[in-house]
């Protein structure tokens, strides 16, 4: 019997083993794009928040007109700082999801910067939310870069283009607005004098040697007092910057101006620059105290040019979201002063509470004076000008430049540095007057030197300003040099108010003000004739 032939069992084809997904290739340029995309996301969130608060909630944010492009530049610089560390980490872990690590890191930073703008939520809660959102988004981007990186590049490129457009629009709007305002000026009277209102921010009369102070803080003002009229009892209309400046520009009492920390000056009354522009004056404001006397406070209404926040690296970096936290600002301030030991202390403090207003370094008195003189030199020949200048160097944090911080008692106390700030501003006043004399301006220029308010140095158990109506906060210097209207070397002992500066300025320019008060031209003329000032109150 024949054996059946052996039939081999059918073979089943086996699928080849699946290859493990390859980790995305790590390129430093892609990590750079992640940094730019994250910085752009953070800046767009800040710009949108600021615009929403201003336009919809009608909040006074006190940010610069250049906030949009400054915020983008500042955030880019901040986000590029950890780039070397993140790039090295991504390269070291390139076979273990290194690109995902980089994407998660930058996504977390971007979300944290955006979430920190929500000031009513505890920063640590915002940090937890940012880590959660960053891990989800970063893992997606890092896991599929071919899909997501084009979107990251589009975000960075599109956001950059938007910010550049906003910057160009902002600069163009200012330039065209100024040209339009100057072009619309009517002819001015041939004998119209120039007027300069110089405000020494936070300077009380008691600390000026021109008012009998023992330290030689104001030798220049002492010399200038021999050329004009010094008012011994001049008082501010408010105890802090915004309402005081508003009062000087409108002739209203400080409270009537409505200028407050969260409210701009009332816009229903005429201002000094508006009245003078109607008489053919070129008008310029140059404000070192940008936070509380900036264009956003309404005090700049009527000026053809109004300079407040400087364009500087300090200001740019201060607009970055992380630099607006308590720790971030402390780090930035320490780096500016070269005090690197304070950097470590600020980082260990780890305080992510957001400071509402960017706090970059503001213009010094020398810069304000220089900017004014450049503008003055551009004013049409034969056209009078009105300029308001604000010097800020005696204000807290009491850090006057050029060694003046240590001029008195080696700057050991805040009041020593405060006096040094007054002495510094006094020296700049001397330089400014010298420049005006060289230009031949002084003979037909009304120069008014005053302050917006004073400062408490322990009187009544208090320090600072804006917290009381005690005399050290309200008693301020006032010196008026008006050729033909003020007798040289005279002193007025009667009480006057800075509220009447508005009437004084427009009256001296030939435009009688209906609210003219006790510092008006009639008052000055009466004093020149030897009559009692009280008769003209």
Protein backbone atom coordinates (compact mmCIF):
# COMPACT_ATOMS: atom_id res chain seq x y z
CA UNK A 1 0.00 0.00 0.00
CA UNK A 2 1.45 3.22 -1.02
CA UNK A 3 2.10 5.91 1.58
CA UNK A 4 0.51 9.26 0.82
CA UNK A 5 2.91 11.92 -0.21
CA UNK A 6 3.83 14.48 2.51
CA UNK A 7 2.17 17.80 1.90
CA UNK A 8 3.92 20.67 3.59
CA UNK A 9 1.75 22.92 5.68
CA UNK A 10 1.02 26.27 4.10
CA UNK A 11 3.20 29.05 5.37
CA UNK A 12 1.62 32.25 6.62
CA UNK A 13 3.41 35.42 5.63
CA UNK A 14 4.41 37.51 8.65
CA UNK A 15 4.28 41.33 8.63
CA UNK A 16 7.68 42.90 9.03
CA UNK A 17 8.15 44.50 12.45
CA UNK A 18 6.97 48.10 12.57
CA UNK A 19 9.74 50.67 12.85
CA UNK A 20 9.62 52.90 15.92
CA UNK A 21 8.70 56.52 15.13
CA UNK A 22 11.77 58.60 14.76
CA UNK A 23 12.21 61.53 17.08
CA UNK A 24 11.90 64.85 15.27
CA UNK A 25 15.22 66.22 14.12
CA UNK A 26 16.34 69.03 16.43
CA UNK A 27 17.55 72.19 14.72
CA UNK A 28 18.61 75.29 16.59
CA UNK A 29 16.80 77.45 14.06
CA UNK A 30 13.52 75.73 14.96
CA UNK A 31 14.13 76.41 18.65
CA UNK A 32 14.71 80.04 17.68
CA UNK A 33 11.36 80.07 15.88
CA UNK A 34 9.75 78.67 19.04
CA UNK A 35 11.21 81.56 21.04
CA UNK A 36 10.00 84.15 18.53
CA UNK A 37 6.55 82.57 18.33
CA UNK A 38 6.21 82.47 22.11
CA UNK A 39 7.39 86.08 22.48
CA UNK A 40 4.95 87.21 19.79
CA UNK A 41 2.08 85.36 21.49
CA UNK A 42 2.97 87.03 24.81
CA UNK A 43 3.20 90.51 23.28
CA UNK A 44 -0.05 90.15 21.32
CA UNK A 45 -1.80 89.12 24.55
CA UNK A 46 -0.38 92.22 26.30
CA UNK A 47 -1.34 94.52 23.41
CA UNK A 48 -4.87 93.09 23.23
CA UNK A 49 -5.32 93.39 27.00
CA UNK A 50 -4.12 97.00 27.04
CA UNK A 51 -6.38 97.92 24.10
CA UNK A 52 -9.39 96.19 25.68
CA UNK A 53 -8.87 98.00 28.97
CA UNK A 54 -8.54 101.37 27.24
CA UNK A 55 -11.19 101.07 24.50
CA UNK A 56 -13.85 98.88 26.10
CA UNK A 57 -13.43 99.23 29.86
CA UNK A 58 -12.29 102.89 29.50
CA UNK A 59 -9.48 102.26 31.97
CA UNK A 60 -6.45 104.50 32.34
CA UNK A 61 -3.56 102.07 31.79
CA UNK A 62 -0.80 104.73 31.74
CA UNK A 63 1.14 102.90 29.04
CA UNK A 64 3.28 104.52 26.36
CA UNK A 65 1.95 105.35 22.91
CA UNK A 66 4.76 103.04 21.74
CA UNK A 67 3.63 100.19 23.99
CA UNK A 68 2.76 97.86 21.09
CA UNK A 69 6.16 97.66 19.43
CA UNK A 70 8.04 98.10 22.72
CA UNK A 71 6.15 95.16 24.20
CA UNK A 72 7.09 92.94 21.26
CA UNK A 73 10.77 93.92 21.33
CA UNK A 74 10.93 93.58 25.10
CA UNK A 75 9.31 90.15 25.08
CA UNK A 76 11.58 88.95 22.28
CA UNK A 77 14.66 89.95 24.29
CA UNK A 78 13.33 88.24 27.43
CA UNK A 79 12.35 85.05 25.58
CA UNK A 80 15.73 84.86 23.85
CA UNK A 81 17.59 84.85 27.17
CA UNK A 82 16.91 81.15 27.94
CA UNK A 83 17.44 80.15 24.27
CA UNK A 84 21.01 78.80 24.71
CA UNK A 85 19.99 76.64 27.67
CA UNK A 86 16.83 75.33 26.00
CA UNK A 87 18.65 74.68 22.70
CA UNK A 88 21.47 72.75 24.43
CA UNK A 89 18.92 70.71 26.38
CA UNK A 90 16.98 69.93 23.21
CA UNK A 91 20.16 68.82 21.41
CA UNK A 92 21.28 66.67 24.34
CA UNK A 93 17.89 64.93 24.41
CA UNK A 94 17.37 64.80 20.65
CA UNK A 95 16.79 60.99 20.71
CA UNK A 96 14.42 61.28 23.67
CA UNK A 97 12.03 63.97 22.56
CA UNK A 98 14.34 66.92 22.96
CA UNK A 99 12.36 69.07 20.53
CA UNK A 100 9.20 68.41 22.54
CA UNK A 101 11.05 69.58 25.67
CA UNK A 102 11.92 72.85 23.92
CA UNK A 103 8.36 73.29 22.65
CA UNK A 104 6.90 72.62 26.10
CA UNK A 105 9.30 75.07 27.73
CA UNK A 106 8.46 77.94 25.38
CA UNK A 107 4.74 77.17 25.31
CA UNK A 108 4.68 77.28 29.13
CA UNK A 109 6.51 80.62 29.16
CA UNK A 110 4.13 82.04 26.55
CA UNK A 111 1.01 80.97 28.42
CA UNK A 112 2.42 82.20 31.73
CA UNK A 113 3.14 85.63 30.23
CA UNK A 114 -0.42 85.82 28.92
CA UNK A 115 -2.03 84.51 32.11
CA UNK A 116 -0.09 86.96 34.32
CA UNK A 117 -2.12 89.76 32.75
CA UNK A 118 -5.11 88.41 34.73
CA UNK A 119 -4.21 90.32 37.86
CA UNK A 120 -7.15 89.15 39.99
CA UNK A 121 -5.99 85.51 40.01
CA UNK A 122 -3.19 84.35 42.30
CA UNK A 123 0.10 84.09 40.36
CA UNK A 124 0.79 80.54 41.59
CA UNK A 125 -2.57 79.40 40.24
CA UNK A 126 -1.68 81.05 36.93
CA UNK A 127 1.66 79.20 36.95
CA UNK A 128 -0.11 75.86 37.36
CA UNK A 129 -2.50 76.68 34.51
CA UNK A 130 0.41 77.76 32.30
CA UNK A 131 2.29 74.51 32.94
CA UNK A 132 -0.78 72.48 32.05
CA UNK A 133 -1.49 74.40 28.86
CA UNK A 134 2.20 74.46 27.95
CA UNK A 135 2.60 70.69 28.28
CA UNK A 136 -0.43 70.00 26.07
CA UNK A 137 0.43 72.51 23.36
CA UNK A 138 4.18 71.93 23.50
CA UNK A 139 3.80 68.15 23.25
CA UNK A 140 1.60 68.59 20.18
CA UNK A 141 4.05 70.94 18.49
CA UNK A 142 7.08 68.85 19.41
CA UNK A 143 5.45 65.57 18.41
CA UNK A 144 4.47 66.71 14.92
CA UNK A 145 6.73 69.61 13.92
CA UNK A 146 5.99 69.23 10.19
CA UNK A 147 2.40 70.16 10.90
CA UNK A 148 2.87 72.75 13.63
CA UNK A 149 6.11 74.57 12.90
CA UNK A 150 4.71 76.37 9.81
CA UNK A 151 2.00 77.72 12.11
CA UNK A 152 4.56 78.82 14.68
CA UNK A 153 6.52 80.63 11.97
CA UNK A 154 3.32 82.21 10.65
CA UNK A 155 2.45 83.43 14.16
CA UNK A 156 5.90 84.94 14.64
CA UNK A 157 6.01 86.49 11.17
CA UNK A 158 2.43 87.73 11.13
CA UNK A 159 2.65 89.13 14.65
CA UNK A 160 5.89 90.89 13.82
CA UNK A 161 4.35 92.44 10.72
CA UNK A 162 1.36 93.63 12.76
CA UNK A 163 3.55 95.20 15.44
CA UNK A 164 5.76 96.92 12.86
CA UNK A 165 2.64 98.29 11.17
CA UNK A 166 1.35 99.63 14.50
CA UNK A 167 4.72 101.26 15.18
CA UNK A 168 4.79 102.95 11.78
CA UNK A 169 1.20 104.09 12.22
CA UNK A 170 1.95 105.52 15.67
CA UNK A 171 4.99 107.50 14.52
CA UNK A 172 3.24 108.69 11.36
CA UNK A 173 0.18 109.79 13.29
CA UNK A 174 2.29 111.90 15.63
CA UNK A 175 4.36 113.44 12.85
CA UNK A 176 1.35 114.24 10.68
CA UNK A 177 -0.60 115.50 13.67
CA UNK A 178 2.17 117.89 14.64
CA UNK A 179 2.63 119.14 11.08
CA UNK A 180 -1.11 119.64 10.74
CA UNK A 181 -1.32 121.55 14.03
CA UNK A 182 1.61 123.81 13.12
CA UNK A 183 0.25 124.36 9.63
CA UNK A 184 -3.10 125.46 11.02
CA UNK A 185 -1.63 128.10 13.35
CA UNK A 186 -2.77 131.66 12.66
CA UNK A 187 -0.26 134.52 12.52
CA UNK A 188 0.97 135.59 15.94
CA UNK A 189 1.24 139.11 17.32
CA UNK A 190 4.60 140.67 16.59
CA UNK A 191 5.29 141.39 20.27
CA UNK A 192 4.03 138.04 21.64
CA UNK A 193 6.60 136.69 24.13
CA UNK A 194 7.77 133.12 24.41
CA UNK A 195 6.61 131.35 27.58
CA UNK A 196 8.41 128.52 29.39
CA UNK A 197 6.77 126.79 32.33
CA UNK A 198 9.45 124.75 34.12
CA UNK A 199 8.12 122.35 36.77
CA UNK A 200 10.56 120.84 39.28
CA UNK A 201 8.59 117.74 40.21
CA UNK A 202 8.18 117.03 43.95
CA UNK A 203 10.31 120.00 45.06
CA UNK A 204 9.13 121.74 48.20
CA UNK A 205 10.13 125.33 48.97
CA UNK A 206 11.58 124.40 52.36
CA UNK A 207 14.53 122.57 50.76
CA UNK A 208 15.63 125.38 48.45
CA UNK A 209 18.47 127.67 49.44
CA UNK A 210 16.62 130.36 47.49
CA UNK A 211 14.01 130.09 50.27
CA UNK A 212 16.53 130.09 53.14
CA UNK A 213 17.47 126.40 53.32
CA UNK A 214 20.91 125.90 54.90
CA UNK A 215 22.22 123.61 52.15
CA UNK A 216 23.22 125.30 48.85
CA UNK A 217 20.70 123.36 46.76
CA UNK A 218 19.67 126.15 44.35
CA UNK A 219 22.44 128.67 43.61
CA UNK A 220 21.11 129.13 40.08
CA UNK A 221 17.60 129.97 41.29
CA UNK A 222 19.10 132.43 43.78
CA UNK A 223 20.85 134.19 40.92
CA UNK A 224 17.74 134.11 38.73
CA UNK A 225 15.66 135.55 41.58
CA UNK A 226 17.70 138.73 41.24
CA UNK A 227 16.33 139.04 37.69
CA UNK A 228 12.65 138.42 38.43
CA UNK A 229 10.00 138.04 41.12
CA UNK A 230 10.11 135.33 43.79
CA UNK A 231 6.82 134.40 45.44
CA UNK A 232 7.47 133.40 49.04
CA UNK A 233 4.03 131.91 49.75
CA UNK A 234 3.06 129.94 46.64
CA UNK A 235 0.89 126.87 47.14
CA UNK A 236 0.04 123.99 44.86
CA UNK A 237 -3.56 123.19 44.01
CA UNK A 238 -3.07 119.48 44.82
CA UNK A 239 -0.76 117.17 46.75
CA UNK A 240 0.35 115.05 43.80
CA UNK A 241 1.27 115.32 40.14
CA UNK A 242 -1.77 114.74 37.92
CA UNK A 243 -4.32 117.16 39.45
CA UNK A 244 -1.62 119.76 40.08
CA UNK A 245 -0.47 119.79 36.44
CA UNK A 246 -4.08 119.74 35.29
CA UNK A 247 -4.82 122.74 37.49
CA UNK A 248 -1.92 124.71 36.03
CA UNK A 249 -3.16 123.93 32.50
CA UNK A 250 -6.82 124.80 33.11
CA UNK A 251 -7.03 127.30 35.98
CA UNK A 252 -9.33 124.93 37.87
CA UNK A 253 -8.88 123.71 41.40
CA UNK A 254 -7.19 120.33 41.62
CA UNK A 255 -10.39 118.46 42.42
CA UNK A 256 -12.30 120.19 39.62
CA UNK A 257 -9.92 118.83 36.99
CA UNK A 258 -11.10 115.24 37.79
CA UNK A 259 -7.52 114.06 37.17
CA UNK A 260 -6.98 110.98 39.33
CA UNK A 261 -5.00 107.74 39.37
CA UNK A 262 -7.59 106.05 37.15
CA UNK A 263 -9.25 109.09 35.51
CA UNK A 264 -7.77 111.59 33.03
CA UNK A 265 -8.21 115.34 33.20
CA UNK A 266 -11.61 116.74 32.28
CA UNK A 267 -11.81 117.64 28.57
CA UNK A 268 -14.64 120.16 28.67
CA UNK A 269 -12.58 123.27 29.48
CA UNK A 270 -9.97 125.27 27.59
CA UNK A 271 -6.32 124.64 28.32
CA UNK A 272 -3.35 126.98 28.20
CA UNK A 273 -1.82 125.43 25.03
CA UNK A 274 -5.20 125.55 23.28
CA UNK A 275 -5.61 129.24 24.10
CA UNK A 276 -2.07 130.06 23.01
CA UNK A 277 -2.27 127.97 19.82
CA UNK A 278 -5.32 130.03 18.87
CA UNK A 279 -3.04 133.09 19.12
CA UNK A 280 -0.39 131.57 16.86
CA UNK A 281 1.88 129.90 19.42
CA UNK A 282 3.82 126.73 18.75
CA UNK A 283 3.29 124.50 21.79
CA UNK A 284 5.48 121.70 23.17
CA UNK A 285 5.39 119.59 26.32
CA UNK A 286 8.44 117.66 27.55
CA UNK A 287 7.54 115.56 30.57
CA UNK A 288 9.89 113.42 32.63
CA UNK A 289 7.02 112.28 34.86
CA UNK A 290 5.46 110.23 32.10
CA UNK A 291 3.33 108.05 34.36
CA UNK A 292 1.25 110.79 35.95
CA UNK A 293 1.71 113.71 33.54
CA UNK A 294 1.80 111.78 30.28
CA UNK A 295 -0.43 112.21 27.25
CA UNK A 296 -2.87 109.63 28.63
CA UNK A 297 -3.72 111.93 31.56
CA UNK A 298 -5.22 114.50 29.17
CA UNK A 299 -2.71 117.12 30.30
CA UNK A 300 -1.15 117.18 26.84
CA UNK A 301 -4.35 118.35 25.16
CA UNK A 302 -3.59 121.31 22.88
CA UNK A 303 0.15 120.72 22.55
CA UNK A 304 1.40 120.23 18.98
CA UNK A 305 4.21 118.08 20.40
CA UNK A 306 4.06 116.21 23.69
CA UNK A 307 6.92 113.95 24.72
CA UNK A 308 6.53 111.70 27.74
CA UNK A 309 7.79 108.10 27.77
CA UNK A 310 11.32 107.88 26.36
CA UNK A 311 12.33 105.48 23.63
CA UNK A 312 15.11 103.60 25.40
CA UNK A 313 16.22 100.06 26.14
CA UNK A 314 15.18 100.50 29.75
CA UNK A 315 11.67 101.46 28.70
CA UNK A 316 11.50 98.68 26.09
CA UNK A 317 12.53 95.96 28.52
CA UNK A 318 10.20 97.25 31.21
CA UNK A 319 7.19 96.64 28.93
CA UNK A 320 7.95 92.90 28.65
CA UNK A 321 5.41 91.00 30.70
CA UNK A 322 7.91 89.16 32.91
CA UNK A 323 9.73 92.46 33.59
CA UNK A 324 6.44 93.85 34.90
CA UNK A 325 6.33 91.32 37.73
CA UNK A 326 7.76 92.22 41.14
CA UNK A 327 10.69 89.81 40.74
CA UNK A 328 11.25 90.69 37.09
CA UNK A 329 11.34 94.40 37.78
CA UNK A 330 13.75 93.84 40.67
CA UNK A 331 16.06 91.85 38.36
CA UNK A 332 15.93 94.53 35.67
CA UNK A 333 16.61 97.29 38.18
CA UNK A 334 19.55 95.35 39.67
CA UNK A 335 21.09 94.81 36.24
CA UNK A 336 20.72 98.51 35.38
CA UNK A 337 22.66 99.42 38.53
CA UNK A 338 25.22 96.64 38.10
CA UNK A 339 24.21 95.16 41.47
CA UNK A 340 24.30 91.51 40.46
CA UNK A 341 23.91 90.27 44.03
CA UNK A 342 20.37 91.66 43.94
CA UNK A 343 19.53 89.47 40.94
CA UNK A 344 19.85 86.28 42.97
CA UNK A 345 17.78 87.75 45.80
CA UNK A 346 15.04 88.82 43.38
CA UNK A 347 14.91 85.41 41.73
CA UNK A 348 14.74 83.61 45.07
CA UNK A 349 11.88 85.86 46.10
CA UNK A 350 9.93 84.59 43.06
CA UNK A 351 7.09 87.10 43.22
CA UNK A 352 5.00 86.96 40.03
CA UNK A 353 2.55 89.68 40.98
CA UNK A 354 2.22 92.11 38.09
CA UNK A 355 3.10 95.80 38.39
CA UNK A 356 0.26 97.64 36.58
CA UNK A 357 2.42 100.37 34.99
CA UNK A 358 5.73 99.65 33.21
CA UNK A 359 8.55 101.28 35.20
CA UNK A 360 11.46 101.97 32.92
CA UNK A 361 14.04 104.64 33.62
CA UNK A 362 12.61 108.06 32.76
CA UNK A 363 14.33 110.99 31.09
CA UNK A 364 16.76 113.05 33.14
CA UNK A 365 16.52 116.83 33.37
CA UNK A 366 19.44 117.13 30.95
CA UNK A 367 17.59 115.01 28.37
CA UNK A 368 14.37 116.96 28.82
CA UNK A 369 16.26 120.23 28.37
CA UNK A 370 18.08 118.93 25.29
CA UNK A 371 14.85 117.68 23.69
CA UNK A 372 13.17 121.01 24.31
CA UNK A 373 16.04 122.98 22.76
CA UNK A 374 15.99 120.77 19.65
CA UNK A 375 12.28 121.42 19.29
CA UNK A 376 12.73 125.13 19.95
CA UNK A 377 15.35 125.34 17.20
CA UNK A 378 12.83 123.81 14.76
CA UNK A 379 10.12 126.36 15.58
CA UNK A 380 9.44 128.70 12.67
CA UNK A 381 11.49 131.88 12.89
CA UNK A 382 9.43 134.71 14.32
CA UNK A 383 6.75 132.46 15.80
CA UNK A 384 6.41 132.53 19.61
CA UNK A 385 6.33 129.28 21.54
CA UNK A 386 4.91 127.96 24.78
CA UNK A 387 6.79 125.05 26.37
CA UNK A 388 6.07 123.07 29.52
CA UNK A 389 9.04 121.14 30.94
CA UNK A 390 8.90 118.66 33.82
CA UNK A 391 12.10 117.66 35.66
CA UNK A 392 11.80 114.50 37.75
CA UNK A 393 15.20 113.96 39.37
CA UNK A 394 14.21 114.82 42.97
CA UNK A 395 11.39 112.28 42.94
CA UNK A 396 11.52 108.83 44.53
CA UNK A 397 13.63 106.62 44.14
CA UNK A 398 15.95 109.63 44.72
CA UNK A 399 18.72 108.67 42.30
CA UNK A 400 19.96 111.87 40.63
CA UNK A 401 22.71 111.38 38.02
CA UNK A 402 26.21 112.78 37.64
CA UNK A 403 27.29 112.22 41.24
CA UNK A 404 24.65 114.51 42.74
CA UNK A 405 23.24 111.64 44.82
CA UNK A 406 26.29 111.94 47.12
CA UNK A 407 26.61 115.73 47.10
CA UNK A 408 25.13 116.15 50.58
CA UNK A 409 26.15 113.95 53.52
CA UNK A 410 27.45 111.41 50.98
CA UNK A 411 23.85 110.52 50.13
CA UNK A 412 23.35 108.44 53.26
CA UNK A 413 19.64 109.24 53.65
CA UNK A 414 16.82 109.60 51.17
CA UNK A 415 16.51 113.29 52.02
CA UNK A 416 20.22 113.78 51.30
CA UNK A 417 19.71 112.33 47.83
CA UNK A 418 16.52 114.35 47.46
CA UNK A 419 18.53 117.51 48.07
CA UNK A 420 21.09 116.23 45.58
CA UNK A 421 18.33 115.83 43.01
CA UNK A 422 17.25 119.44 43.59
CA UNK A 423 20.86 120.60 43.15
CA UNK A 424 21.14 118.58 39.93
CA UNK A 425 17.98 120.10 38.45
CA UNK A 426 19.16 123.56 39.52
CA UNK A 427 22.38 123.03 37.56
CA UNK A 428 20.39 122.00 34.47
CA UNK A 429 18.25 125.11 34.84
CA UNK A 430 21.48 127.10 34.70
CA UNK A 431 22.57 125.32 31.53
CA UNK A 432 19.14 125.85 29.96
CA UNK A 433 19.10 129.55 30.73
CA UNK A 434 22.61 129.88 29.29
CA UNK A 435 21.48 128.20 26.06
CA UNK A 436 18.46 130.48 25.83
CA UNK A 437 20.71 133.49 26.37
CA UNK A 438 23.04 132.37 23.57
CA UNK A 439 20.02 132.05 21.25
CA UNK A 440 18.89 135.55 22.17
CA UNK A 441 15.59 134.30 23.63
CA UNK A 442 15.69 135.58 27.20
CA UNK A 443 14.82 139.19 26.41
CA UNK A 444 11.44 138.15 25.01
CA UNK A 445 10.70 135.01 27.06
CA UNK A 446 8.56 134.65 30.17
CA UNK A 447 10.21 132.05 32.40
CA UNK A 448 8.11 130.52 35.19
CA UNK A 449 9.85 128.07 37.53
CA UNK A 450 7.76 126.20 40.08
CA UNK A 451 6.88 122.72 41.35
CA UNK A 452 3.74 120.60 41.24
CA UNK A 453 3.87 119.67 44.95
CA UNK A 454 6.30 119.12 47.80
CA UNK A 455 7.33 116.19 49.97
CA UNK A 456 7.03 115.18 53.61
CA UNK A 457 10.22 114.18 55.45
CA UNK A 458 8.91 113.05 58.80
CA UNK A 459 6.74 116.07 59.53
CA UNK A 460 3.52 114.97 61.22
CA UNK A 461 4.97 111.47 61.32
CA UNK A 462 4.63 111.05 57.54
CA UNK A 463 6.80 110.79 54.44
CA UNK A 464 6.09 111.14 50.74
CA UNK A 465 3.24 113.06 49.11
CA UNK A 466 -0.31 112.57 47.90
CA UNK A 467 -1.25 111.44 51.40
CA UNK A 468 -2.10 114.72 53.13
CA UNK A 469 -2.57 118.46 52.75
CA UNK A 470 0.12 119.53 55.19
CA UNK A 471 2.10 122.63 54.24
CA UNK A 472 5.37 120.82 53.32
CA UNK A 473 3.42 119.08 50.54
CA UNK A 474 1.69 122.23 49.27
CA UNK A 475 4.25 125.03 49.80
CA UNK A 476 6.27 125.17 46.57
CA UNK A 477 8.71 127.53 44.89
CA UNK A 478 7.51 130.05 42.34
CA UNK A 479 9.82 132.35 40.39
CA UNK A 480 8.62 134.48 37.47
CA UNK A 481 10.96 136.32 35.11
CA UNK A 482 8.93 138.37 32.65
CA UNK A 483 10.81 141.20 30.93
CA UNK A 484 8.81 144.38 31.27
CA UNK A 485 6.34 142.87 33.72
CA UNK A 486 8.31 141.67 36.72
CA UNK A 487 10.64 143.95 38.69
CA UNK A 488 14.12 142.48 39.10
CA UNK A 489 14.97 141.15 42.53
CA UNK A 490 11.51 141.59 44.04
CA UNK A 491 9.86 139.22 46.51
CA UNK A 492 6.11 138.81 47.03
CA UNK A 493 5.05 137.74 50.52
CA UNK A 494 1.30 137.42 49.93
CA UNK A 495 -0.31 134.02 49.39
CA UNK A 496 -0.72 132.90 45.76
CA UNK A 497 -1.98 129.69 44.15
CA UNK A 498 -0.49 127.75 41.25
CA UNK A 499 -4.05 127.53 39.92
CA UNK A 500 -3.51 131.05 38.62
CA UNK A 501 -0.55 130.10 36.44
CA UNK A 502 -2.98 129.41 33.60
CA UNK A 503 -4.32 132.96 33.80
CA UNK A 504 -0.82 134.35 34.19
CA UNK A 505 0.54 132.65 31.08
CA UNK A 506 -2.27 133.54 28.68
CA UNK A 507 -2.55 137.05 30.13
CA UNK A 508 1.15 137.72 29.61
CA UNK A 509 0.68 136.43 26.05
CA UNK A 510 -2.01 139.06 25.49
CA UNK A 511 -5.13 136.92 25.97
CA UNK A 512 -6.97 137.95 29.18
CA UNK A 513 -8.32 134.89 31.02
CA UNK A 514 -11.75 135.13 32.58
CA UNK A 515 -10.45 133.30 35.68
CA UNK A 516 -7.40 135.57 36.06
CA UNK A 517 -6.25 135.42 39.66
CA UNK A 518 -3.70 136.78 42.03
CA UNK A 519 -0.62 135.91 39.95
CA UNK A 520 -2.02 137.57 36.85
CA UNK A 521 -0.32 140.27 34.81
CA UNK A 522 -2.32 142.89 36.68
CA UNK A 523 -0.89 141.52 39.91
CA UNK A 524 2.68 141.68 38.58
CA UNK A 525 2.19 145.17 37.17
CA UNK A 526 0.70 146.34 40.45
CA UNK A 527 3.67 144.97 42.35
CA UNK A 528 6.02 146.69 39.92
CA UNK A 529 4.27 150.00 40.65
CA UNK A 530 4.67 149.38 44.39
CA UNK A 531 0.98 148.83 45.15
CA UNK A 532 -0.20 146.27 47.68
CA UNK A 533 -0.66 142.82 46.10
CA UNK A 534 -3.67 142.13 48.29
CA UNK A 535 -5.59 144.90 46.53
CA UNK A 536 -5.57 142.85 43.34
CA UNK A 537 -6.61 139.47 44.72
